[in-house]
Amino acid sequence: MVKKAARKYAIDKVYRDKAYDNRNNFNILGKIKAKPAIIVRKNRSKRS
């Protein structure tokens, strides 16, 4: 959804809840140079 919107609009920041806390989403935001505003889960992995 974000990649499709980024083709038409300049996206600076993306707000999501804990369901979107995964590496793939953070990688996509990094590619389009958007700042993530995603709440991370308590039991998340510390790996990057």
C-alpha atoms as a PDB file:
ATOM      1  CA  MET A   1       0.000   0.000   0.000  1.00  0.00           C
ATOM      2  CA  VAL A   2       2.793   2.429   0.905  1.00  0.00           C
ATOM      3  CA  LYS A   3       4.846   1.647  -2.206  1.00  0.00           C
ATOM      4  CA  LYS A   4       1.836   2.284  -4.431  1.00  0.00           C
ATOM      5  CA  ALA A   5       1.059   5.603  -2.722  1.00  0.00           C
ATOM      6  CA  ALA A   6       4.728   6.647  -2.894  1.00  0.00           C
ATOM      7  CA  ARG A   7       4.571   6.507  -6.691  1.00  0.00           C
ATOM      8  CA  LYS A   8       2.002   9.335  -6.704  1.00  0.00           C
ATOM      9  CA  TYR A   9       2.718  11.281  -3.519  1.00  0.00           C
ATOM     10  CA  ALA A  10       5.720  12.411  -1.482  1.00  0.00           C
ATOM     11  CA  ILE A  11       5.476  10.535   1.819  1.00  0.00           C
ATOM     12  CA  ASP A  12       7.426  11.931   4.772  1.00  0.00           C
ATOM     13  CA  LYS A  13       6.100   9.837   7.666  1.00  0.00           C
ATOM     14  CA  VAL A  14       4.002   6.686   7.987  1.00  0.00           C
ATOM     15  CA  TYR A  15       1.838   6.010  11.051  1.00  0.00           C
ATOM     16  CA  ARG A  16       0.912   2.393  11.812  1.00  0.00           C
ATOM     17  CA  ASP A  17       0.080   0.218  14.783  1.00  0.00           C
ATOM     18  CA  LYS A  18       1.911  -2.841  16.168  1.00  0.00           C
ATOM     19  CA  ALA A  19       0.567  -5.129  13.447  1.00  0.00           C
ATOM     20  CA  TYR A  20       2.921  -3.453  10.958  1.00  0.00           C
ATOM     21  CA  ASP A  21       6.031  -3.892  13.132  1.00  0.00           C
ATOM     22  CA  ASN A  22       8.111  -6.137  10.888  1.00  0.00           C
ATOM     23  CA  ARG A  23      11.385  -5.853   9.042  1.00  0.00           C
ATOM     24  CA  ASN A  24       9.795  -5.774   5.587  1.00  0.00           C
ATOM     25  CA  ASN A  25       7.749  -2.664   6.403  1.00  0.00           C
ATOM     26  CA  PHE A  26      10.760  -0.865   7.856  1.00  0.00           C
ATOM     27  CA  ASN A  27      12.820  -1.775   4.757  1.00  0.00           C
ATOM     28  CA  ILE A  28      10.134  -0.388   2.436  1.00  0.00           C
ATOM     29  CA  LEU A  29      10.010   2.855   4.412  1.00  0.00           C
ATOM     30  CA  GLY A  30      13.788   3.095   4.203  1.00  0.00           C
ATOM     31  CA  LYS A  31      13.694   2.717   0.422  1.00  0.00           C
ATOM     32  CA  ILE A  32      11.197   5.537  -0.019  1.00  0.00           C
ATOM     33  CA  LYS A  33      13.000   7.624   2.645  1.00  0.00           C
ATOM     34  CA  ALA A  34       9.955   7.945   4.902  1.00  0.00           C
ATOM     35  CA  LYS A  35      10.194   8.128   8.678  1.00  0.00           C
ATOM     36  CA  PRO A  36       8.381   5.291  10.436  1.00  0.00           C
ATOM     37  CA  ALA A  37       5.957   6.109  13.239  1.00  0.00           C
ATOM     38  CA  ILE A  38       5.213   2.481  14.055  1.00  0.00           C
ATOM     39  CA  ILE A  39       4.719   1.323  17.621  1.00  0.00           C
ATOM     40  CA  VAL A  40       7.071  -1.611  18.209  1.00  0.00           C
ATOM     41  CA  ARG A  41       5.972  -4.729  20.065  1.00  0.00           C
ATOM     42  CA  LYS A  42       7.362  -5.546  23.494  1.00  0.00           C
ATOM     43  CA  ASN A  43       8.636  -8.948  22.362  1.00  0.00           C
ATOM     44  CA  ARG A  44      10.341  -7.733  19.187  1.00  0.00           C
ATOM     45  CA  SER A  45      13.668  -9.072  18.008  1.00  0.00           C
ATOM     46  CA  LYS A  46      16.698  -6.873  18.673  1.00  0.00           C
ATOM     47  CA  ARG A  47      18.283  -7.891  15.343  1.00  0.00           C
ATOM     48  CA  SER A  48      18.431  -5.407  12.515  1.00  0.00           C
END
